[in-house]
Amino acid sequence: MARYSMRLPDLGEGTVSAEVIAWRVTAGDLITEDAPLVEMATDKAVVEVPSPVTGRVVSVTGNPGDSIAVGAELAVFETEAAAVVSAPPPSVAPVAAESAGGFIVGGTVLGRVRASPATRRRAFEAGVDLTQIRGSGPGGRILRHDLLHHDQVGKPVAEYEELPVIGIRRMIAQRMSEAKRQAPHFAYVEEVDVTELEWLRQRLNAERRVEWSYLPFIARALVKVLQQFPQCNAHYDAERNVLKRFRAVHLGIATQTPDGLKVPVIRDAGQHDVAALAAGIRRVTEAAREARASRAELSGSTITITSLGKLGGIVSTPILNLPEVAIIGVNKATERVVVLDGKIAIRRMMNLSSSFDHRFVDGYDAAAMIQALKTQLEYPETILAE
């Protein structure tokens, strides 16, 4: 038998450390080569690190929430192979939110189940065998309440539940705090009549047999409007005290996922028509929700759209996605009684909520940009025009 020392590999460009999210094994467990070893979080994504060898786990470094430096010893194995002082970096891949693969607990490989990384982590920490739980989600997916119900059967109900703030959730908390602390937010809300846009959307959906929401139309309109307001398609480099105005629009789409809020990016959005934007939005948001999005696909946006869809409410005050200087929030569209040309009419109305970094975007320019976007949406033929 020989000892095999595995060191933490570089999990992405410029990564100097990563946070332990959940170990799939404990000391004494048997593991096969390429089997899931540990989930680690970088500043962009959660990645699953596989075992580089087949053998018995001697020791692991770090508990959930601990930061491990790249190159530091991550795990030690006992193998049949010749002794190795330091293992070559294994390949890593984003953790799938609904991975079909099992994982190892106490030396036993669990069956193939459908569950998010967060649910798997909670099951691991609670010592619960996911193969023994019937999932109530789509396709038998195990949801959080399935796990909680199973874990609490026959046990007294606790007064509260303690959830460690680690991984992506901790990064979200840090970035939100930094954004509110560093950037003086200027909020602006405008009411938009989307009656004609709704008519156009329904017609195109019927003709092309698609299910486009308002989002691709808003994205296309925003890209066109930014040609007039380049100061809103920018980053502030605080270290160099430089404002970077981008020629291309790399559009961030704020997406709710089982692991928290992520912002996948549509590159060069100005080169896409409504159909391509609709397909792109679907592709990147699905990849983010299923944790298939790469590090590159989750960074580099120059302006962000955030929408809660039917839950969008009347108004919101979105927080900037630093280092961006503008974000557009989409609220729900509802029929309202309005006065149109001196007469009472029922129109489909929607509010656009926006926030700007007031250090670099003046209130007048912010209002003018949203007014220009309003015009595009109220006369949707302008959206489709080149």
Protein backbone atom coordinates (compact mmCIF):
# COMPACT_ATOMS: atom_id res chain seq x y z
CA MET A 1 0.00 0.00 0.00
CA ALA A 2 1.11 3.55 -0.70
CA ARG A 3 0.06 7.05 0.33
CA TYR A 4 -1.24 9.39 -2.37
CA SER A 5 -1.41 13.12 -1.56
CA MET A 6 -3.87 15.15 -3.62
CA ARG A 7 -3.53 18.92 -3.79
CA LEU A 8 -6.26 21.41 -4.68
CA PRO A 9 -6.06 22.25 -8.40
CA ASP A 10 -6.76 25.63 -9.99
CA LEU A 11 -10.54 25.60 -10.45
CA GLY A 12 -10.64 28.58 -12.78
CA GLU A 13 -8.72 31.54 -14.16
CA GLY A 14 -7.02 33.41 -11.36
CA THR A 15 -8.44 31.24 -8.58
CA VAL A 16 -6.15 31.30 -5.53
CA SER A 17 -8.45 29.46 -3.13
CA ALA A 18 -11.80 27.70 -2.96
CA GLU A 19 -14.34 27.05 -0.24
CA VAL A 20 -15.34 23.58 0.89
CA ILE A 21 -19.07 23.08 0.37
CA ALA A 22 -19.57 19.39 1.10
CA TRP A 23 -17.39 16.31 1.32
CA ARG A 24 -18.80 13.25 -0.40
CA VAL A 25 -16.55 10.99 1.68
CA THR A 26 -15.07 10.70 5.16
CA ALA A 27 -11.83 9.17 6.42
CA GLY A 28 -11.93 5.40 6.02
CA ASP A 29 -14.24 5.35 3.01
CA LEU A 30 -13.39 3.47 -0.14
CA ILE A 31 -13.55 5.48 -3.35
CA THR A 32 -12.96 4.76 -7.02
CA GLU A 33 -11.12 6.93 -9.52
CA ASP A 34 -13.26 9.79 -10.94
CA ALA A 35 -15.95 9.31 -8.27
CA PRO A 36 -17.18 12.57 -6.65
CA LEU A 37 -14.87 13.56 -3.80
CA VAL A 38 -15.84 17.07 -2.71
CA GLU A 39 -17.85 20.11 -3.79
CA MET A 40 -15.84 23.33 -3.82
CA ALA A 41 -17.02 26.88 -4.45
CA THR A 42 -15.09 29.55 -6.32
CA ASP A 43 -16.27 33.14 -6.66
CA LYS A 44 -18.33 32.14 -9.71
CA ALA A 45 -19.60 28.59 -9.38
CA VAL A 46 -19.73 25.37 -7.40
CA VAL A 47 -17.54 22.66 -8.92
CA GLU A 48 -17.35 18.96 -8.20
CA VAL A 49 -13.83 17.66 -7.68
CA PRO A 50 -13.40 13.94 -8.49
CA SER A 51 -11.03 11.49 -6.88
CA PRO A 52 -7.81 11.06 -8.89
CA VAL A 53 -7.28 7.47 -7.67
CA THR A 54 -8.97 4.32 -6.42
CA GLY A 55 -8.28 3.58 -2.79
CA ARG A 56 -9.17 4.31 0.82
CA VAL A 57 -9.50 7.88 2.13
CA VAL A 58 -6.96 8.46 4.88
CA SER A 59 -7.75 12.10 5.63
CA VAL A 60 -9.46 15.18 4.19
CA THR A 61 -8.66 18.86 4.73
CA GLY A 62 -11.25 21.42 5.76
CA ASN A 63 -14.87 21.50 6.91
CA PRO A 64 -17.79 23.07 5.01
CA GLY A 65 -17.14 26.81 4.93
CA ASP A 66 -13.34 26.53 5.19
CA SER A 67 -11.15 28.12 2.51
CA ILE A 68 -8.41 25.96 0.96
CA ALA A 69 -5.53 27.50 -1.00
CA VAL A 70 -4.76 26.23 -4.48
CA GLY A 71 -1.85 23.81 -4.18
CA ALA A 72 -2.59 22.93 -0.56
CA GLU A 73 -3.16 19.32 0.42
CA LEU A 74 -6.83 18.46 -0.04
CA ALA A 75 -6.96 14.72 0.67
CA VAL A 76 -4.72 11.73 1.30
CA PHE A 77 -5.47 8.25 -0.05
CA GLU A 78 -4.09 4.79 0.55
CA THR A 79 -3.69 3.01 -2.78
CA GLU A 80 -2.18 -0.06 -4.36
CA ALA A 81 -0.12 2.12 -6.73
CA ALA A 82 3.42 3.36 -6.20
CA ALA A 83 3.81 6.14 -3.65
CA VAL A 84 3.14 9.63 -4.94
CA VAL A 85 3.99 12.74 -2.97
CA SER A 86 1.69 15.12 -4.81
CA ALA A 87 -1.12 14.22 -7.19
CA PRO A 88 -1.58 15.93 -10.55
CA PRO A 89 -4.59 18.23 -10.60
CA PRO A 90 -7.78 16.32 -11.46
CA SER A 91 -10.26 17.68 -13.96
CA VAL A 92 -13.30 19.37 -12.49
CA ALA A 93 -16.72 20.20 -13.83
CA PRO A 94 -19.65 22.35 -12.68
CA VAL A 95 -21.98 20.48 -10.35
CA ALA A 96 -25.29 19.69 -12.06
CA ALA A 97 -28.32 20.89 -10.14
CA GLU A 98 -30.13 17.67 -11.05
CA SER A 99 -27.22 15.30 -11.43
CA ALA A 100 -28.17 11.69 -12.14
CA GLY A 101 -25.05 10.32 -10.44
CA GLY A 102 -24.88 8.91 -6.93
CA PHE A 103 -22.36 9.85 -4.26
CA ILE A 104 -20.53 8.15 -1.42
CA VAL A 105 -21.55 8.30 2.24
CA GLY A 106 -19.84 6.12 4.81
CA GLY A 107 -18.28 3.99 2.08
CA THR A 108 -21.62 3.17 0.38
CA VAL A 109 -22.44 4.44 -3.07
CA LEU A 110 -25.92 5.90 -3.13
CA GLY A 111 -28.25 5.10 -6.00
CA ARG A 112 -28.94 7.44 -8.87
CA VAL A 113 -31.19 10.20 -7.62
CA ARG A 114 -32.35 13.60 -8.84
CA ALA A 115 -31.52 16.35 -6.37
CA SER A 116 -29.80 19.73 -6.30
CA PRO A 117 -26.28 20.12 -4.85
CA ALA A 118 -27.79 21.95 -1.87
CA THR A 119 -30.16 19.05 -1.14
CA ARG A 120 -27.32 16.55 -1.53
CA ARG A 121 -25.21 18.57 0.87
CA ARG A 122 -27.95 18.68 3.51
CA ALA A 123 -28.50 14.93 3.14
CA PHE A 124 -24.78 14.28 3.52
CA GLU A 125 -24.54 16.44 6.64
CA ALA A 126 -27.63 14.76 8.15
CA GLY A 127 -26.48 11.25 7.22
CA VAL A 128 -29.65 10.65 5.16
CA ASP A 129 -29.67 8.11 2.31
CA LEU A 130 -31.33 9.90 -0.61
CA THR A 131 -32.19 6.61 -2.30
CA GLN A 132 -34.65 5.98 0.54
CA ILE A 133 -36.60 9.21 -0.15
CA ARG A 134 -39.44 9.54 -2.64
CA GLY A 135 -39.08 12.88 -4.43
CA SER A 136 -42.15 15.03 -5.03
CA GLY A 137 -40.56 17.20 -7.72
CA PRO A 138 -40.63 16.79 -11.52
CA GLY A 139 -39.34 13.38 -12.56
CA GLY A 140 -39.06 12.29 -8.92
CA ARG A 141 -36.62 15.08 -8.06
CA ILE A 142 -36.00 15.28 -4.31
CA LEU A 143 -36.90 18.71 -3.01
CA ARG A 144 -35.83 20.35 0.22
CA HIS A 145 -39.15 19.70 1.98
CA ASP A 146 -38.91 16.00 1.03
CA LEU A 147 -35.61 15.80 2.87
CA LEU A 148 -36.85 17.79 5.88
CA HIS A 149 -40.00 15.68 6.19
CA HIS A 150 -37.99 12.45 6.01
CA ASP A 151 -35.43 13.68 8.52
CA GLN A 152 -38.04 14.83 11.02
CA VAL A 153 -40.21 11.69 11.02
CA GLY A 154 -40.27 10.42 14.60
CA LYS A 155 -38.18 13.34 15.85
CA PRO A 156 -39.27 16.33 17.94
CA VAL A 157 -39.87 19.47 15.93
CA ALA A 158 -37.07 21.99 16.45
CA GLU A 159 -37.89 25.61 17.20
CA TYR A 160 -35.59 26.75 14.42
CA GLU A 161 -33.14 25.50 11.85
CA GLU A 162 -29.53 26.71 11.57
CA LEU A 163 -28.21 26.95 8.02
CA PRO A 164 -24.55 27.85 7.55
CA VAL A 165 -24.07 30.69 5.06
CA ILE A 166 -21.40 29.21 2.82
CA GLY A 167 -20.56 28.77 -0.84
CA ILE A 168 -22.49 30.75 -3.44
CA ARG A 169 -24.94 32.06 -0.85
CA ARG A 170 -22.09 33.67 1.10
CA MET A 171 -20.67 35.16 -2.10
CA ILE A 172 -24.08 36.60 -2.99
CA ALA A 173 -24.36 38.15 0.47
CA GLN A 174 -20.89 39.69 0.20
CA ARG A 175 -21.48 41.11 -3.28
CA MET A 176 -24.89 42.55 -2.41
CA SER A 177 -23.39 44.23 0.66
CA GLU A 178 -20.49 45.61 -1.37
CA ALA A 179 -22.82 46.94 -4.06
CA LYS A 180 -25.03 48.81 -1.59
CA ARG A 181 -22.05 50.06 0.41
CA GLN A 182 -19.90 51.24 -2.51
CA ALA A 183 -22.37 52.49 -5.12
CA PRO A 184 -24.88 55.28 -4.40
CA HIS A 185 -27.98 53.80 -6.05
CA PHE A 186 -30.31 56.05 -8.03
CA ALA A 187 -33.68 54.34 -8.58
CA TYR A 188 -36.08 55.22 -11.38
CA VAL A 189 -39.45 53.62 -12.16
CA GLU A 190 -41.51 54.17 -15.31
CA GLU A 191 -44.94 52.90 -16.36
CA VAL A 192 -45.07 51.31 -19.81
CA ASP A 193 -48.11 50.49 -21.95
CA VAL A 194 -47.32 47.04 -23.38
CA THR A 195 -50.72 46.44 -25.01
CA GLU A 196 -49.28 46.52 -28.54
CA LEU A 197 -46.25 44.49 -27.45
CA GLU A 198 -48.56 41.83 -26.00
CA TRP A 199 -50.47 41.68 -29.31
CA LEU A 200 -47.20 41.32 -31.24
CA ARG A 201 -45.86 38.71 -28.84
CA GLN A 202 -48.98 36.55 -29.11
CA ARG A 203 -49.02 36.81 -32.90
CA LEU A 204 -45.37 35.79 -33.22
CA ASN A 205 -45.81 32.96 -30.74
CA ALA A 206 -48.72 31.61 -32.79
CA GLU A 207 -46.98 32.05 -36.15
CA ARG A 208 -43.63 30.57 -35.09
CA ARG A 209 -45.00 28.10 -32.54
CA VAL A 210 -42.80 29.47 -29.78
CA GLU A 211 -43.40 30.67 -26.23
CA TRP A 212 -41.53 33.95 -26.01
CA SER A 213 -41.98 36.03 -22.89
CA TYR A 214 -41.51 39.79 -22.79
CA LEU A 215 -37.84 39.32 -21.91
CA PRO A 216 -36.32 38.90 -25.40
CA PHE A 217 -38.24 41.94 -26.66
CA ILE A 218 -37.05 44.02 -23.70
CA ALA A 219 -33.50 42.75 -24.23
CA ARG A 220 -33.56 43.72 -27.91
CA ALA A 221 -35.01 47.15 -27.11
CA LEU A 222 -32.41 47.74 -24.41
CA VAL A 223 -29.54 46.86 -26.75
CA LYS A 224 -30.80 49.42 -29.29
CA VAL A 225 -31.31 52.12 -26.66
CA LEU A 226 -27.80 51.69 -25.25
CA GLN A 227 -26.40 52.99 -28.53
CA GLN A 228 -27.67 56.39 -27.40
CA PHE A 229 -26.60 55.96 -23.76
CA PRO A 230 -23.18 54.26 -23.74
CA GLN A 231 -22.49 55.56 -20.22
CA CYS A 232 -25.01 52.99 -18.97
CA ASN A 233 -23.20 50.08 -20.64
CA ALA A 234 -20.10 50.39 -18.52
CA HIS A 235 -17.96 49.10 -15.65
CA TYR A 236 -16.29 51.11 -12.92
CA ASP A 237 -12.76 49.88 -12.18
CA ALA A 238 -12.37 51.06 -8.59
CA GLU A 239 -8.72 50.03 -8.30
CA ARG A 240 -7.70 52.15 -11.31
CA ASN A 241 -10.45 54.76 -10.87
CA VAL A 242 -11.46 54.28 -14.52
CA LEU A 243 -14.88 54.03 -16.14
CA LYS A 244 -14.92 51.49 -18.98
CA ARG A 245 -17.55 52.10 -21.66
CA PHE A 246 -18.14 49.00 -23.75
CA ARG A 247 -18.95 49.00 -27.45
CA ALA A 248 -20.53 45.55 -27.31
CA VAL A 249 -23.42 44.73 -24.99
CA HIS A 250 -22.82 41.60 -22.94
CA LEU A 251 -26.23 41.15 -21.40
CA GLY A 252 -26.56 39.62 -17.94
CA ILE A 253 -29.80 37.78 -17.14
CA ALA A 254 -30.35 37.53 -13.38
CA THR A 255 -31.53 33.97 -12.75
CA GLN A 256 -32.88 32.33 -9.61
CA THR A 257 -31.32 28.89 -9.08
CA PRO A 258 -31.39 26.26 -6.32
CA ASP A 259 -28.02 27.64 -5.20
CA GLY A 260 -29.08 31.30 -5.22
CA LEU A 261 -29.02 34.17 -7.69
CA LYS A 262 -26.69 33.82 -10.69
CA VAL A 263 -26.14 36.09 -13.69
CA PRO A 264 -25.36 34.14 -16.87
CA VAL A 265 -24.33 36.25 -19.85
CA ILE A 266 -25.40 36.57 -23.49
CA ARG A 267 -22.29 37.76 -25.33
CA ASP A 268 -22.58 40.41 -28.03
CA ALA A 269 -26.33 40.72 -27.54
CA GLY A 270 -26.46 43.53 -30.09
CA GLN A 271 -25.76 41.04 -32.87
CA HIS A 272 -28.88 38.98 -32.10
CA ASP A 273 -32.47 39.49 -33.19
CA VAL A 274 -35.45 38.72 -30.93
CA ALA A 275 -35.51 35.04 -31.91
CA ALA A 276 -31.81 34.58 -31.17
CA LEU A 277 -32.13 36.46 -27.88
CA ALA A 278 -35.08 34.28 -26.84
CA ALA A 279 -33.05 31.15 -27.57
CA GLY A 280 -29.99 32.59 -25.84
CA ILE A 281 -31.91 33.56 -22.71
CA ARG A 282 -33.41 30.08 -22.48
CA ARG A 283 -30.03 28.43 -22.98
CA VAL A 284 -28.03 30.42 -20.42
CA THR A 285 -30.73 30.45 -17.74
CA GLU A 286 -31.25 26.69 -17.98
CA ALA A 287 -27.49 26.14 -17.77
CA ALA A 288 -27.34 28.36 -14.67
CA ARG A 289 -30.24 26.61 -12.95
CA GLU A 290 -28.78 23.17 -13.66
CA ALA A 291 -25.26 24.30 -12.62
CA ARG A 292 -23.93 23.54 -16.10
CA ALA A 293 -22.82 27.11 -16.80
CA SER A 294 -19.07 27.56 -17.07
CA ARG A 295 -17.11 30.23 -15.21
CA ALA A 296 -16.88 32.27 -18.44
CA GLU A 297 -20.65 32.09 -18.94
CA LEU A 298 -21.22 33.54 -15.47
CA SER A 299 -18.99 36.60 -15.79
CA GLY A 300 -18.36 39.60 -17.99
CA SER A 301 -21.83 41.16 -18.27
CA THR A 302 -21.90 44.90 -18.95
CA ILE A 303 -25.54 45.53 -17.96
CA THR A 304 -28.11 43.25 -16.32
CA ILE A 305 -31.84 42.59 -16.66
CA THR A 306 -33.63 41.10 -13.67
CA SER A 307 -37.21 39.83 -13.72
CA LEU A 308 -39.44 37.89 -11.36
CA GLY A 309 -41.91 37.13 -14.15
CA LYS A 310 -45.48 36.76 -12.89
CA LEU A 311 -44.23 37.45 -9.35
CA GLY A 312 -42.75 40.76 -10.47
CA GLY A 313 -44.99 42.94 -8.34
CA ILE A 314 -45.66 46.61 -8.97
CA VAL A 315 -42.21 48.05 -8.31
CA SER A 316 -38.78 46.88 -7.16
CA THR A 317 -35.41 48.46 -6.41
CA PRO A 318 -32.82 46.14 -7.99
CA ILE A 319 -29.27 46.14 -6.61
CA LEU A 320 -26.45 46.81 -9.05
CA ASN A 321 -24.36 43.89 -10.27
CA LEU A 322 -20.94 45.45 -9.67
CA PRO A 323 -18.85 46.58 -11.45
CA GLU A 324 -21.80 47.46 -13.73
CA VAL A 325 -23.41 50.89 -13.39
CA ALA A 326 -26.98 50.06 -14.47
CA ILE A 327 -29.59 47.34 -13.98
CA ILE A 328 -33.13 47.05 -15.38
CA GLY A 329 -35.90 45.36 -13.37
CA VAL A 330 -39.00 44.00 -15.09
CA ASN A 331 -42.26 43.95 -13.12
CA LYS A 332 -45.38 42.00 -13.98
CA ALA A 333 -47.77 43.15 -16.71
CA THR A 334 -51.44 43.52 -15.75
CA GLU A 335 -54.55 45.05 -17.24
CA ARG A 336 -55.40 48.43 -15.73
CA VAL A 337 -57.97 51.13 -16.25
CA VAL A 338 -56.20 54.17 -17.73
CA VAL A 339 -57.07 57.41 -19.47
CA LEU A 340 -56.11 57.22 -23.15
CA ASP A 341 -56.73 60.20 -25.46
CA GLY A 342 -59.18 61.62 -22.96
CA LYS A 343 -61.17 58.38 -22.65
CA ILE A 344 -61.21 55.58 -20.12
CA ALA A 345 -59.65 52.41 -21.54
CA ILE A 346 -58.34 49.06 -20.35
CA ARG A 347 -54.68 48.63 -21.28
CA ARG A 348 -51.96 46.15 -20.38
CA MET A 349 -49.46 48.05 -18.27
CA MET A 350 -46.06 47.14 -16.86
CA ASN A 351 -43.57 49.03 -14.70
CA LEU A 352 -39.85 49.10 -15.39
CA SER A 353 -37.76 49.51 -12.26
CA SER A 354 -34.14 50.53 -12.70
CA SER A 355 -31.10 51.38 -10.61
CA PHE A 356 -28.00 53.32 -11.62
CA ASP A 357 -24.66 54.14 -10.05
CA HIS A 358 -25.25 57.84 -9.44
CA ARG A 359 -21.51 58.54 -9.43
CA PHE A 360 -21.36 57.96 -13.18
CA VAL A 361 -24.95 58.13 -14.47
CA ASP A 362 -26.74 61.42 -13.87
CA GLY A 363 -30.42 61.34 -13.00
CA TYR A 364 -31.37 63.06 -16.25
CA ASP A 365 -29.51 60.50 -18.36
CA ALA A 366 -30.99 57.61 -16.38
CA ALA A 367 -34.52 58.93 -16.88
CA ALA A 368 -33.88 59.64 -20.55
CA MET A 369 -32.62 56.10 -21.13
CA ILE A 370 -35.69 54.52 -19.51
CA GLN A 371 -37.96 56.88 -21.45
CA ALA A 372 -36.27 55.77 -24.69
CA LEU A 373 -36.75 52.14 -23.66
CA LYS A 374 -40.41 52.89 -22.89
CA THR A 375 -40.87 54.27 -26.41
CA GLN A 376 -39.37 51.16 -27.98
CA LEU A 377 -41.70 48.91 -26.00
CA GLU A 378 -44.82 50.96 -26.66
CA TYR A 379 -44.09 50.98 -30.42
CA PRO A 380 -42.81 47.40 -30.77
CA GLU A 381 -42.34 47.56 -34.53
CA THR A 382 -39.24 49.61 -33.73
CA ILE A 383 -37.86 46.65 -31.83
CA LEU A 384 -37.99 44.38 -34.86
CA ALA A 385 -36.54 46.99 -37.21
CA GLU A 386 -32.81 46.82 -37.92
